Amino acid sequence: MSSRDLVLARIRAALGETAVPPVPRAYRPAGSSGAGLDLLVDRLTDYRAVVHRDGDVAAVVASLDPGRLVVPPGIDRSWLPAGARVVEDEHDADAVLTAAAVAVAETGTIVLDGSPDQGRRALSLLPDLHICVVRPDQVVGGVPDALARLDPARPLTWISGPSATSDIELTRVEGVHGPRNLHVVIPVER
């Protein structure tokens, strides 16, 4: 018996037949609105992300001159500029282009869920530049709204701006745990 099993057995014995009550999940949704998109842009900008609003994805990617661009297998190929140096699922890329599952206006957070257009978690964490496409219909007001759209069994990556830490002497250092640069493209609704 492992230490973990031993501890859990002791807890079960102490609780006896006591049933754990269900946790209420009646969160108050923030709702979605046109103002949600403006708030998301403000929050992302506060987090030092660069937002390209109403942008043509391929034109934005081309303007960033991303170098070796890794793309997940399900990415919309119309987002790639002509002549892009695309690699698939490699760890030595300079940049990554992904879609998003949902974006939270209140917190300025983008959520990836490992769908084919977002790829494995490592794809969005290793390159120095992450270009993420967020459609306006993916923007929700608050975290409860996002949770209602997400599958908790999927691998969720929550991104609030470029990777940064202030662990050492409270000095901000970017790029330690993920991309140092985050560009969010919000394409024109068609």
N, C-alpha and C. Protein backbone atom coordinates (compact mmCIF):
# COMPACT_ATOMS: atom_id res chain seq x y z
N MET A 1 0.86 -1.18 0.00
CA MET A 1 0.00 0.00 0.00
C MET A 1 0.91 1.24 0.00
N SER A 2 0.63 2.17 -0.90
CA SER A 2 1.43 3.40 -0.98
C SER A 2 1.03 4.36 0.14
N SER A 3 1.86 5.35 0.36
CA SER A 3 1.55 6.37 1.37
C SER A 3 0.26 7.09 1.03
N ARG A 4 0.06 7.35 -0.25
CA ARG A 4 -1.16 8.01 -0.71
C ARG A 4 -2.38 7.18 -0.35
N ASP A 5 -2.33 5.88 -0.67
CA ASP A 5 -3.45 4.99 -0.36
C ASP A 5 -3.71 4.93 1.14
N LEU A 6 -2.65 4.93 1.92
CA LEU A 6 -2.78 4.88 3.37
C LEU A 6 -3.48 6.13 3.90
N VAL A 7 -3.06 7.29 3.44
CA VAL A 7 -3.67 8.55 3.87
C VAL A 7 -5.14 8.59 3.46
N LEU A 8 -5.45 8.22 2.23
CA LEU A 8 -6.84 8.23 1.77
C LEU A 8 -7.69 7.23 2.55
N ALA A 9 -7.14 6.08 2.88
CA ALA A 9 -7.88 5.08 3.67
C ALA A 9 -8.20 5.63 5.05
N ARG A 10 -7.26 6.36 5.65
CA ARG A 10 -7.50 6.96 6.97
C ARG A 10 -8.59 8.03 6.89
N ILE A 11 -8.58 8.80 5.83
CA ILE A 11 -9.61 9.84 5.66
C ILE A 11 -10.97 9.19 5.50
N ARG A 12 -11.05 8.16 4.67
CA ARG A 12 -12.33 7.46 4.46
C ARG A 12 -12.83 6.85 5.78
N ALA A 13 -11.92 6.30 6.55
CA ALA A 13 -12.31 5.70 7.84
C ALA A 13 -12.83 6.77 8.79
N ALA A 14 -12.19 7.93 8.80
CA ALA A 14 -12.62 9.01 9.69
C ALA A 14 -13.97 9.57 9.28
N LEU A 15 -14.23 9.64 7.98
CA LEU A 15 -15.50 10.16 7.49
C LEU A 15 -16.63 9.16 7.66
N GLY A 16 -16.29 7.90 7.67
CA GLY A 16 -17.31 6.86 7.77
C GLY A 16 -18.19 6.86 6.55
N GLU A 17 -19.47 6.76 6.76
CA GLU A 17 -20.43 6.71 5.65
C GLU A 17 -20.97 8.09 5.30
N THR A 18 -20.33 9.13 5.80
CA THR A 18 -20.77 10.49 5.53
C THR A 18 -20.66 10.78 4.03
N ALA A 19 -21.74 11.20 3.48
CA ALA A 19 -21.73 11.55 2.06
C ALA A 19 -21.27 12.99 1.89
N VAL A 20 -20.46 13.22 0.90
CA VAL A 20 -20.01 14.58 0.60
C VAL A 20 -21.11 15.26 -0.19
N PRO A 21 -21.60 16.40 0.32
CA PRO A 21 -22.69 17.08 -0.40
C PRO A 21 -22.21 17.60 -1.75
N PRO A 22 -23.11 17.66 -2.72
CA PRO A 22 -22.70 18.19 -4.02
C PRO A 22 -22.34 19.67 -3.92
N VAL A 23 -21.38 20.07 -4.70
CA VAL A 23 -20.95 21.47 -4.72
C VAL A 23 -21.87 22.22 -5.68
N PRO A 24 -22.50 23.30 -5.21
CA PRO A 24 -23.38 24.05 -6.11
C PRO A 24 -22.58 24.70 -7.23
N ARG A 25 -23.08 24.62 -8.44
CA ARG A 25 -22.39 25.19 -9.60
C ARG A 25 -23.27 26.23 -10.30
N ALA A 26 -24.10 26.90 -9.54
CA ALA A 26 -25.01 27.90 -10.11
C ALA A 26 -24.32 29.26 -10.14
N TYR A 27 -23.22 29.35 -10.87
CA TYR A 27 -22.49 30.61 -10.98
C TYR A 27 -23.31 31.62 -11.75
N ARG A 28 -23.13 32.85 -11.40
CA ARG A 28 -23.84 33.91 -12.10
C ARG A 28 -23.10 34.23 -13.40
N PRO A 29 -23.70 33.95 -14.54
CA PRO A 29 -23.01 34.24 -15.81
C PRO A 29 -22.91 35.74 -16.04
N ALA A 30 -21.82 36.15 -16.64
CA ALA A 30 -21.63 37.56 -16.96
C ALA A 30 -22.35 37.93 -18.24
N GLY A 31 -22.60 36.92 -19.10
CA GLY A 31 -23.26 37.19 -20.37
C GLY A 31 -22.28 37.70 -21.40
N SER A 32 -22.68 37.71 -22.63
CA SER A 32 -21.83 38.18 -23.72
C SER A 32 -22.48 39.38 -24.37
N SER A 33 -21.65 40.29 -24.79
CA SER A 33 -22.17 41.48 -25.47
C SER A 33 -21.06 42.06 -26.33
N GLY A 34 -21.42 43.04 -27.14
CA GLY A 34 -20.43 43.72 -27.96
C GLY A 34 -19.38 44.40 -27.10
N ALA A 35 -19.80 44.87 -25.91
CA ALA A 35 -18.85 45.51 -25.00
C ALA A 35 -17.83 44.50 -24.50
N GLY A 36 -18.18 43.20 -24.52
CA GLY A 36 -17.26 42.17 -24.08
C GLY A 36 -16.01 42.16 -24.93
N LEU A 37 -16.15 42.38 -26.22
CA LEU A 37 -15.00 42.40 -27.11
C LEU A 37 -14.09 43.59 -26.80
N ASP A 38 -14.68 44.75 -26.54
CA ASP A 38 -13.89 45.93 -26.17
C ASP A 38 -13.14 45.69 -24.86
N LEU A 39 -13.83 45.07 -23.90
CA LEU A 39 -13.21 44.79 -22.61
C LEU A 39 -12.06 43.79 -22.77
N LEU A 40 -12.27 42.76 -23.59
CA LEU A 40 -11.21 41.78 -23.85
C LEU A 40 -9.98 42.47 -24.43
N VAL A 41 -10.17 43.33 -25.40
CA VAL A 41 -9.05 44.05 -26.02
C VAL A 41 -8.32 44.89 -24.98
N ASP A 42 -9.08 45.60 -24.12
CA ASP A 42 -8.46 46.41 -23.06
C ASP A 42 -7.63 45.55 -22.12
N ARG A 43 -8.19 44.42 -21.69
CA ARG A 43 -7.47 43.54 -20.76
C ARG A 43 -6.22 42.95 -21.40
N LEU A 44 -6.35 42.48 -22.64
CA LEU A 44 -5.19 41.91 -23.33
C LEU A 44 -4.08 42.95 -23.47
N THR A 45 -4.46 44.16 -23.79
CA THR A 45 -3.48 45.24 -23.92
C THR A 45 -2.82 45.53 -22.58
N ASP A 46 -3.61 45.51 -21.51
CA ASP A 46 -3.04 45.70 -20.16
C ASP A 46 -2.00 44.63 -19.84
N TYR A 47 -2.22 43.42 -20.35
CA TYR A 47 -1.30 42.31 -20.11
C TYR A 47 -0.11 42.31 -21.07
N ARG A 48 0.02 43.35 -21.88
CA ARG A 48 1.12 43.51 -22.83
C ARG A 48 1.02 42.59 -24.05
N ALA A 49 -0.19 42.15 -24.35
CA ALA A 49 -0.40 41.43 -25.61
C ALA A 49 -0.66 42.48 -26.68
N VAL A 50 -0.35 42.14 -27.92
CA VAL A 50 -0.64 43.03 -29.04
C VAL A 50 -1.89 42.50 -29.71
N VAL A 51 -2.90 43.37 -29.85
CA VAL A 51 -4.18 42.96 -30.43
C VAL A 51 -4.33 43.57 -31.81
N HIS A 52 -4.66 42.72 -32.76
CA HIS A 52 -4.93 43.14 -34.13
C HIS A 52 -6.43 42.95 -34.35
N ARG A 53 -7.18 44.03 -34.24
CA ARG A 53 -8.64 43.94 -34.30
C ARG A 53 -9.11 44.11 -35.74
N ASP A 54 -10.09 43.32 -36.11
CA ASP A 54 -10.64 43.34 -37.47
C ASP A 54 -9.56 43.11 -38.50
N GLY A 55 -8.62 42.25 -38.15
CA GLY A 55 -7.48 42.00 -39.03
C GLY A 55 -7.68 40.83 -39.96
N ASP A 56 -6.97 40.88 -41.06
CA ASP A 56 -6.86 39.75 -41.97
C ASP A 56 -5.73 38.89 -41.41
N VAL A 57 -6.04 37.67 -41.01
CA VAL A 57 -5.08 36.84 -40.29
C VAL A 57 -3.79 36.65 -41.09
N ALA A 58 -3.90 36.29 -42.36
CA ALA A 58 -2.71 36.05 -43.17
C ALA A 58 -1.86 37.31 -43.28
N ALA A 59 -2.48 38.48 -43.40
CA ALA A 59 -1.73 39.73 -43.50
C ALA A 59 -1.00 40.04 -42.18
N VAL A 60 -1.67 39.79 -41.06
CA VAL A 60 -1.03 40.02 -39.76
C VAL A 60 0.15 39.08 -39.59
N VAL A 61 -0.04 37.80 -39.90
CA VAL A 61 1.05 36.82 -39.77
C VAL A 61 2.23 37.24 -40.65
N ALA A 62 1.96 37.64 -41.87
CA ALA A 62 3.02 38.07 -42.78
C ALA A 62 3.76 39.29 -42.23
N SER A 63 3.03 40.24 -41.65
CA SER A 63 3.65 41.46 -41.13
C SER A 63 4.56 41.17 -39.93
N LEU A 64 4.29 40.09 -39.21
CA LEU A 64 5.10 39.74 -38.05
C LEU A 64 6.38 39.00 -38.43
N ASP A 65 6.46 38.56 -39.69
CA ASP A 65 7.63 37.84 -40.19
C ASP A 65 8.08 36.79 -39.16
N PRO A 66 7.23 35.77 -38.94
CA PRO A 66 7.46 34.86 -37.81
C PRO A 66 8.61 33.87 -37.95
N GLY A 67 9.25 33.77 -39.09
CA GLY A 67 10.30 32.76 -39.25
C GLY A 67 9.68 31.38 -39.40
N ARG A 68 10.25 30.39 -38.72
CA ARG A 68 9.71 29.02 -38.77
C ARG A 68 8.44 28.98 -37.94
N LEU A 69 7.31 28.85 -38.60
CA LEU A 69 5.99 28.93 -37.97
C LEU A 69 5.41 27.53 -37.82
N VAL A 70 5.20 27.11 -36.58
CA VAL A 70 4.57 25.81 -36.35
C VAL A 70 3.06 26.02 -36.30
N VAL A 71 2.35 25.12 -36.95
CA VAL A 71 0.90 25.20 -36.98
C VAL A 71 0.31 23.83 -36.62
N PRO A 72 -0.78 23.83 -35.85
CA PRO A 72 -1.43 22.56 -35.57
C PRO A 72 -2.09 22.02 -36.84
N PRO A 73 -2.36 20.73 -36.88
CA PRO A 73 -2.88 20.12 -38.11
C PRO A 73 -4.23 20.65 -38.57
N GLY A 74 -5.06 21.14 -37.67
CA GLY A 74 -6.40 21.60 -38.05
C GLY A 74 -6.53 23.08 -38.30
N ILE A 75 -5.40 23.78 -38.43
CA ILE A 75 -5.45 25.23 -38.60
C ILE A 75 -6.08 25.58 -39.95
N ASP A 76 -6.79 26.68 -40.00
CA ASP A 76 -7.39 27.18 -41.23
C ASP A 76 -6.24 27.65 -42.13
N ARG A 77 -6.03 26.96 -43.23
CA ARG A 77 -4.89 27.25 -44.12
C ARG A 77 -4.98 28.63 -44.77
N SER A 78 -6.18 29.24 -44.79
CA SER A 78 -6.29 30.59 -45.35
C SER A 78 -5.62 31.63 -44.43
N TRP A 79 -5.31 31.24 -43.20
CA TRP A 79 -4.63 32.14 -42.27
C TRP A 79 -3.13 32.23 -42.55
N LEU A 80 -2.63 31.36 -43.39
CA LEU A 80 -1.19 31.35 -43.66
C LEU A 80 -0.85 32.23 -44.85
N PRO A 81 0.11 33.13 -44.71
CA PRO A 81 0.50 33.96 -45.84
C PRO A 81 1.29 33.15 -46.87
N ALA A 82 1.26 33.60 -48.09
CA ALA A 82 2.04 32.94 -49.14
C ALA A 82 3.52 33.00 -48.76
N GLY A 83 4.20 31.90 -48.93
CA GLY A 83 5.62 31.85 -48.64
C GLY A 83 5.98 31.63 -47.17
N ALA A 84 4.98 31.40 -46.32
CA ALA A 84 5.28 31.17 -44.91
C ALA A 84 6.10 29.89 -44.75
N ARG A 85 7.09 29.92 -43.86
CA ARG A 85 7.91 28.74 -43.58
C ARG A 85 7.21 27.93 -42.49
N VAL A 86 6.32 27.05 -42.92
CA VAL A 86 5.47 26.30 -42.00
C VAL A 86 6.10 24.96 -41.66
N VAL A 87 6.12 24.66 -40.37
CA VAL A 87 6.53 23.35 -39.89
C VAL A 87 5.39 22.82 -39.02
N GLU A 88 5.25 21.52 -38.97
CA GLU A 88 4.16 20.97 -38.16
C GLU A 88 4.72 20.18 -37.00
N ASP A 89 4.26 20.55 -35.80
CA ASP A 89 4.55 19.82 -34.57
C ASP A 89 6.04 19.64 -34.30
N GLU A 90 6.80 20.74 -34.44
CA GLU A 90 8.23 20.69 -34.13
C GLU A 90 8.51 21.61 -32.96
N HIS A 91 9.57 21.30 -32.21
CA HIS A 91 9.88 22.06 -31.01
C HIS A 91 10.84 23.22 -31.25
N ASP A 92 11.43 23.33 -32.42
CA ASP A 92 12.40 24.39 -32.66
C ASP A 92 11.87 25.49 -33.56
N ALA A 93 10.58 25.74 -33.51
CA ALA A 93 9.97 26.80 -34.32
C ALA A 93 10.16 28.15 -33.63
N ASP A 94 10.09 29.21 -34.42
CA ASP A 94 10.22 30.56 -33.89
C ASP A 94 8.88 31.10 -33.39
N ALA A 95 7.79 30.61 -34.00
CA ALA A 95 6.46 31.12 -33.68
C ALA A 95 5.43 30.02 -33.84
N VAL A 96 4.25 30.24 -33.26
CA VAL A 96 3.14 29.30 -33.40
C VAL A 96 1.89 30.10 -33.75
N LEU A 97 1.06 29.53 -34.59
CA LEU A 97 -0.24 30.11 -34.95
C LEU A 97 -1.31 29.13 -34.51
N THR A 98 -2.21 29.57 -33.62
CA THR A 98 -3.30 28.71 -33.17
C THR A 98 -4.62 29.45 -33.23
N ALA A 99 -5.68 28.69 -33.13
CA ALA A 99 -7.01 29.25 -32.90
C ALA A 99 -7.22 29.23 -31.39
N ALA A 100 -8.41 29.57 -30.94
CA ALA A 100 -8.75 29.54 -29.51
C ALA A 100 -10.07 28.81 -29.34
N ALA A 101 -10.31 28.32 -28.14
CA ALA A 101 -11.59 27.69 -27.83
C ALA A 101 -12.58 28.75 -27.36
N VAL A 102 -12.11 29.65 -26.51
CA VAL A 102 -12.96 30.70 -25.96
C VAL A 102 -12.05 31.79 -25.39
N ALA A 103 -12.58 33.00 -25.23
CA ALA A 103 -11.83 34.10 -24.61
C ALA A 103 -12.74 34.77 -23.58
N VAL A 104 -12.17 35.13 -22.44
CA VAL A 104 -12.92 35.71 -21.33
C VAL A 104 -12.63 37.21 -21.26
N ALA A 105 -13.66 38.02 -21.51
CA ALA A 105 -13.48 39.47 -21.54
C ALA A 105 -13.07 40.03 -20.18
N GLU A 106 -13.75 39.60 -19.12
CA GLU A 106 -13.50 40.13 -17.78
C GLU A 106 -12.05 39.98 -17.32
N THR A 107 -11.43 38.88 -17.69
CA THR A 107 -10.08 38.59 -17.22
C THR A 107 -9.02 38.74 -18.30
N GLY A 108 -9.43 38.94 -19.55
CA GLY A 108 -8.46 39.03 -20.64
C GLY A 108 -7.76 37.71 -20.88
N THR A 109 -8.48 36.62 -20.70
CA THR A 109 -7.90 35.29 -20.79
C THR A 109 -8.37 34.57 -22.04
N ILE A 110 -7.43 33.90 -22.70
CA ILE A 110 -7.73 33.06 -23.86
C ILE A 110 -7.55 31.63 -23.42
N VAL A 111 -8.48 30.76 -23.82
CA VAL A 111 -8.40 29.36 -23.43
C VAL A 111 -8.23 28.50 -24.67
N LEU A 112 -7.22 27.63 -24.63
CA LEU A 112 -7.01 26.63 -25.67
C LEU A 112 -7.42 25.29 -25.08
N ASP A 113 -8.04 24.43 -25.90
CA ASP A 113 -8.48 23.13 -25.37
C ASP A 113 -7.91 21.93 -26.13
N GLY A 114 -6.86 22.15 -26.88
CA GLY A 114 -6.21 21.05 -27.57
C GLY A 114 -6.96 20.55 -28.79
N SER A 115 -7.92 21.31 -29.29
CA SER A 115 -8.63 20.94 -30.52
C SER A 115 -7.65 20.93 -31.69
N PRO A 116 -8.04 20.32 -32.81
CA PRO A 116 -7.10 20.23 -33.94
C PRO A 116 -6.55 21.58 -34.43
N ASP A 117 -7.30 22.67 -34.27
CA ASP A 117 -6.79 23.97 -34.70
C ASP A 117 -5.96 24.68 -33.62
N GLN A 118 -5.78 23.99 -32.48
CA GLN A 118 -4.98 24.55 -31.39
C GLN A 118 -3.77 23.69 -31.07
N GLY A 119 -3.86 22.41 -31.36
CA GLY A 119 -2.73 21.51 -31.19
C GLY A 119 -2.42 21.16 -29.74
N ARG A 120 -1.31 20.46 -29.59
CA ARG A 120 -0.86 20.05 -28.26
C ARG A 120 -0.44 21.26 -27.44
N ARG A 121 -0.48 21.14 -26.13
CA ARG A 121 -0.12 22.26 -25.25
C ARG A 121 1.28 22.77 -25.52
N ALA A 122 2.22 21.88 -25.78
CA ALA A 122 3.61 22.28 -25.98
C ALA A 122 3.77 23.21 -27.17
N LEU A 123 2.90 23.08 -28.17
CA LEU A 123 3.01 23.95 -29.35
C LEU A 123 2.87 25.42 -28.98
N SER A 124 1.98 25.72 -28.03
CA SER A 124 1.75 27.12 -27.68
C SER A 124 2.67 27.61 -26.57
N LEU A 125 3.48 26.72 -25.99
CA LEU A 125 4.34 27.10 -24.88
C LEU A 125 5.81 27.26 -25.25
N LEU A 126 6.27 26.59 -26.30
CA LEU A 126 7.70 26.59 -26.62
C LEU A 126 8.17 27.75 -27.48
N PRO A 127 7.49 28.12 -28.57
CA PRO A 127 8.01 29.23 -29.38
C PRO A 127 7.96 30.56 -28.64
N ASP A 128 8.79 31.49 -29.08
CA ASP A 128 8.87 32.81 -28.45
C ASP A 128 7.68 33.70 -28.81
N LEU A 129 7.03 33.41 -29.94
CA LEU A 129 5.90 34.22 -30.42
C LEU A 129 4.69 33.32 -30.59
N HIS A 130 3.57 33.71 -29.97
CA HIS A 130 2.30 33.00 -30.14
C HIS A 130 1.33 33.95 -30.81
N ILE A 131 0.85 33.55 -31.97
CA ILE A 131 -0.18 34.30 -32.69
C ILE A 131 -1.46 33.50 -32.53
N CYS A 132 -2.45 34.09 -31.86
CA CYS A 132 -3.69 33.38 -31.55
C CYS A 132 -4.87 34.10 -32.19
N VAL A 133 -5.68 33.35 -32.90
CA VAL A 133 -6.86 33.90 -33.57
C VAL A 133 -8.08 33.66 -32.67
N VAL A 134 -8.76 34.74 -32.33
CA VAL A 134 -9.98 34.67 -31.51
C VAL A 134 -11.11 35.30 -32.31
N ARG A 135 -12.09 34.47 -32.64
CA ARG A 135 -13.26 34.99 -33.36
C ARG A 135 -14.17 35.75 -32.38
N PRO A 136 -14.83 36.82 -32.82
CA PRO A 136 -15.70 37.59 -31.92
C PRO A 136 -16.77 36.73 -31.23
N ASP A 137 -17.28 35.69 -31.91
CA ASP A 137 -18.31 34.85 -31.28
C ASP A 137 -17.75 33.93 -30.20
N GLN A 138 -16.44 33.91 -30.02
CA GLN A 138 -15.82 33.11 -28.97
C GLN A 138 -15.62 33.89 -27.68
N VAL A 139 -15.90 35.18 -27.70
CA VAL A 139 -15.69 36.03 -26.53
C VAL A 139 -16.91 35.94 -25.62
N VAL A 140 -16.65 35.62 -24.35
CA VAL A 140 -17.71 35.57 -23.34
C VAL A 140 -17.38 36.57 -22.24
N GLY A 141 -18.38 36.88 -21.41
CA GLY A 141 -18.20 37.89 -20.38
C GLY A 141 -17.27 37.48 -19.25
N GLY A 142 -17.55 36.32 -18.64
CA GLY A 142 -16.79 35.92 -17.46
C GLY A 142 -16.38 34.47 -17.48
N VAL A 143 -15.65 34.07 -16.46
CA VAL A 143 -15.16 32.70 -16.35
C VAL A 143 -16.29 31.68 -16.33
N PRO A 144 -17.41 31.90 -15.58
CA PRO A 144 -18.50 30.92 -15.63
C PRO A 144 -19.03 30.69 -17.04
N ASP A 145 -19.08 31.76 -17.84
CA ASP A 145 -19.53 31.64 -19.22
C ASP A 145 -18.56 30.77 -20.03
N ALA A 146 -17.28 30.95 -19.78
CA ALA A 146 -16.27 30.15 -20.48
C ALA A 146 -16.37 28.69 -20.06
N LEU A 147 -16.51 28.44 -18.77
CA LEU A 147 -16.61 27.06 -18.28
C LEU A 147 -17.81 26.34 -18.89
N ALA A 148 -18.88 27.08 -19.13
CA ALA A 148 -20.08 26.47 -19.73
C ALA A 148 -19.81 26.01 -21.15
N ARG A 149 -18.84 26.62 -21.82
CA ARG A 149 -18.51 26.25 -23.20
C ARG A 149 -17.41 25.21 -23.32
N LEU A 150 -16.70 24.96 -22.23
CA LEU A 150 -15.53 24.09 -22.28
C LEU A 150 -15.83 22.69 -21.77
N ASP A 151 -15.10 21.73 -22.29
CA ASP A 151 -15.18 20.35 -21.84
C ASP A 151 -14.08 20.16 -20.79
N PRO A 152 -14.45 19.92 -19.52
CA PRO A 152 -13.43 19.80 -18.48
C PRO A 152 -12.51 18.59 -18.65
N ALA A 153 -12.87 17.67 -19.51
CA ALA A 153 -12.02 16.49 -19.74
C ALA A 153 -10.90 16.79 -20.74
N ARG A 154 -10.97 17.94 -21.42
CA ARG A 154 -9.94 18.30 -22.39
C ARG A 154 -8.78 19.01 -21.69
N PRO A 155 -7.58 18.99 -22.29
CA PRO A 155 -6.44 19.69 -21.68
C PRO A 155 -6.57 21.20 -21.91
N LEU A 156 -6.88 21.94 -20.88
CA LEU A 156 -7.14 23.37 -21.01
C LEU A 156 -5.88 24.18 -20.68
N THR A 157 -5.57 25.13 -21.55
CA THR A 157 -4.47 26.06 -21.32
C THR A 157 -5.08 27.45 -21.25
N TRP A 158 -4.93 28.11 -20.12
CA TRP A 158 -5.49 29.44 -19.90
C TRP A 158 -4.36 30.45 -20.05
N ILE A 159 -4.51 31.39 -20.98
CA ILE A 159 -3.46 32.35 -21.30
C ILE A 159 -3.95 33.76 -21.01
N SER A 160 -3.26 34.45 -20.12
CA SER A 160 -3.57 35.85 -19.83
C SER A 160 -2.32 36.67 -20.13
N GLY A 161 -2.13 36.98 -21.39
CA GLY A 161 -0.98 37.77 -21.81
C GLY A 161 0.25 36.93 -22.06
N PRO A 162 1.35 37.56 -22.46
CA PRO A 162 2.60 36.84 -22.66
C PRO A 162 3.06 36.23 -21.34
N SER A 163 3.85 35.19 -21.43
CA SER A 163 4.37 34.55 -20.22
C SER A 163 5.25 35.53 -19.46
N ALA A 164 5.01 35.64 -18.16
CA ALA A 164 5.82 36.53 -17.33
C ALA A 164 5.82 36.04 -15.89
N THR A 165 6.87 36.38 -15.19
CA THR A 165 6.96 36.05 -13.77
C THR A 165 7.68 37.19 -13.06
N SER A 166 7.40 37.33 -11.78
CA SER A 166 8.10 38.31 -10.95
C SER A 166 8.64 37.62 -9.71
N ASP A 167 9.09 36.40 -9.89
CA ASP A 167 9.54 35.58 -8.76
C ASP A 167 10.82 36.09 -8.10
N ILE A 168 11.73 36.62 -8.87
CA ILE A 168 13.04 37.00 -8.33
C ILE A 168 13.08 38.50 -8.10
N GLU A 169 13.18 38.90 -6.84
CA GLU A 169 13.26 40.30 -6.44
C GLU A 169 12.14 41.16 -7.04
N LEU A 170 10.99 40.54 -7.29
CA LEU A 170 9.82 41.22 -7.83
C LEU A 170 10.10 41.97 -9.14
N THR A 171 11.06 41.47 -9.89
CA THR A 171 11.39 42.03 -11.19
C THR A 171 10.67 41.21 -12.26
N ARG A 172 9.93 41.88 -13.12
CA ARG A 172 9.18 41.18 -14.16
C ARG A 172 10.14 40.64 -15.22
N VAL A 173 10.01 39.35 -15.50
CA VAL A 173 10.80 38.70 -16.54
C VAL A 173 9.81 38.00 -17.46
N GLU A 174 9.92 38.26 -18.75
CA GLU A 174 8.99 37.68 -19.71
C GLU A 174 9.61 36.51 -20.45
N GLY A 175 8.77 35.55 -20.81
CA GLY A 175 9.21 34.42 -21.62
C GLY A 175 9.78 33.25 -20.86
N VAL A 176 9.61 33.21 -19.56
CA VAL A 176 10.20 32.13 -18.76
C VAL A 176 9.40 30.84 -18.90
N HIS A 177 8.07 30.94 -18.83
CA HIS A 177 7.20 29.76 -18.83
C HIS A 177 6.39 29.61 -20.12
N GLY A 178 6.72 30.35 -21.14
CA GLY A 178 5.97 30.30 -22.38
C GLY A 178 6.40 31.45 -23.28
N PRO A 179 5.60 31.74 -24.30
CA PRO A 179 5.96 32.79 -25.26
C PRO A 179 6.13 34.17 -24.62
N ARG A 180 7.19 34.84 -25.04
CA ARG A 180 7.45 36.19 -24.56
C ARG A 180 6.55 37.20 -25.26
N ASN A 181 6.09 36.84 -26.45
CA ASN A 181 5.26 37.74 -27.25
C ASN A 181 3.95 37.06 -27.62
N LEU A 182 2.84 37.75 -27.33
CA LEU A 182 1.51 37.24 -27.68
C LEU A 182 0.82 38.26 -28.58
N HIS A 183 0.45 37.81 -29.77
CA HIS A 183 -0.33 38.63 -30.69
C HIS A 183 -1.68 37.95 -30.86
N VAL A 184 -2.74 38.70 -30.62
CA VAL A 184 -4.10 38.18 -30.75
C VAL A 184 -4.74 38.84 -31.95
N VAL A 185 -5.22 38.01 -32.87
CA VAL A 185 -5.88 38.51 -34.07
C VAL A 185 -7.37 38.26 -33.93
N ILE A 186 -8.15 39.33 -34.00
CA ILE A 186 -9.60 39.20 -33.99
C ILE A 186 -10.07 39.53 -35.40
N PRO A 187 -10.38 38.48 -36.18
CA PRO A 187 -10.71 38.72 -37.58
C PRO A 187 -12.06 39.38 -37.77
N VAL A 188 -12.23 39.93 -38.96
CA VAL A 188 -13.49 40.55 -39.35
C VAL A 188 -14.57 39.47 -39.39
N GLU A 189 -15.72 39.75 -38.78
CA GLU A 189 -16.82 38.78 -38.87
C GLU A 189 -17.38 38.80 -40.28
N ARG A 190 -17.62 37.61 -40.82
CA ARG A 190 -18.15 37.53 -42.18
C ARG A 190 -19.51 36.92 -42.17
